Amino acid sequence: MTAEKIIKCSTYRDGNDDKIELIELLEGIVSLVD
């Protein structure tokens, strides 16, 4: 939930490349937590 909100917020500020990198980073963090 929180990660999705961060991704949506960052989408308005960052370009596609930055957004993709952020999503990959968050997915890595989420997988570590799970």
Protein backbone atom coordinates (compact mmCIF):
# COMPACT_ATOMS: atom_id res chain seq x y z
CA MET A 1 0.00 0.00 0.00
CA THR A 2 2.62 2.53 1.08
CA ALA A 3 4.95 1.60 -1.78
CA GLU A 4 2.15 2.17 -4.30
CA LYS A 5 1.49 5.63 -2.87
CA ILE A 6 5.19 6.49 -3.11
CA ILE A 7 5.29 5.32 -6.72
CA LYS A 8 2.20 7.37 -7.62
CA CYS A 9 3.62 10.49 -5.94
CA SER A 10 7.01 10.10 -7.62
CA THR A 11 5.37 9.59 -11.02
CA TYR A 12 4.33 13.24 -11.09
CA ARG A 13 7.85 14.48 -10.37
CA ASP A 14 10.17 11.99 -12.08
CA GLY A 15 10.53 10.80 -15.65
CA ASN A 16 9.76 7.26 -16.80
CA ASP A 17 13.33 6.04 -16.28
CA ASP A 18 13.41 7.30 -12.70
CA LYS A 19 9.97 5.81 -12.04
CA ILE A 20 11.04 2.40 -13.32
CA GLU A 21 14.18 2.46 -11.17
CA LEU A 22 12.11 3.45 -8.12
CA ILE A 23 9.62 0.64 -8.72
CA GLU A 24 12.44 -1.90 -9.03
CA LEU A 25 14.02 -0.58 -5.84
CA LEU A 26 10.75 -0.73 -3.91
CA GLU A 27 10.00 -4.23 -5.20
CA GLY A 28 13.39 -5.33 -3.93
CA ILE A 29 12.68 -3.82 -0.51
CA VAL A 30 9.22 -5.38 -0.36
CA SER A 31 10.62 -8.81 -1.26
CA LEU A 32 13.18 -8.49 1.54
CA VAL A 33 10.48 -7.55 4.05
CA ASP A 34 8.21 -10.41 2.99
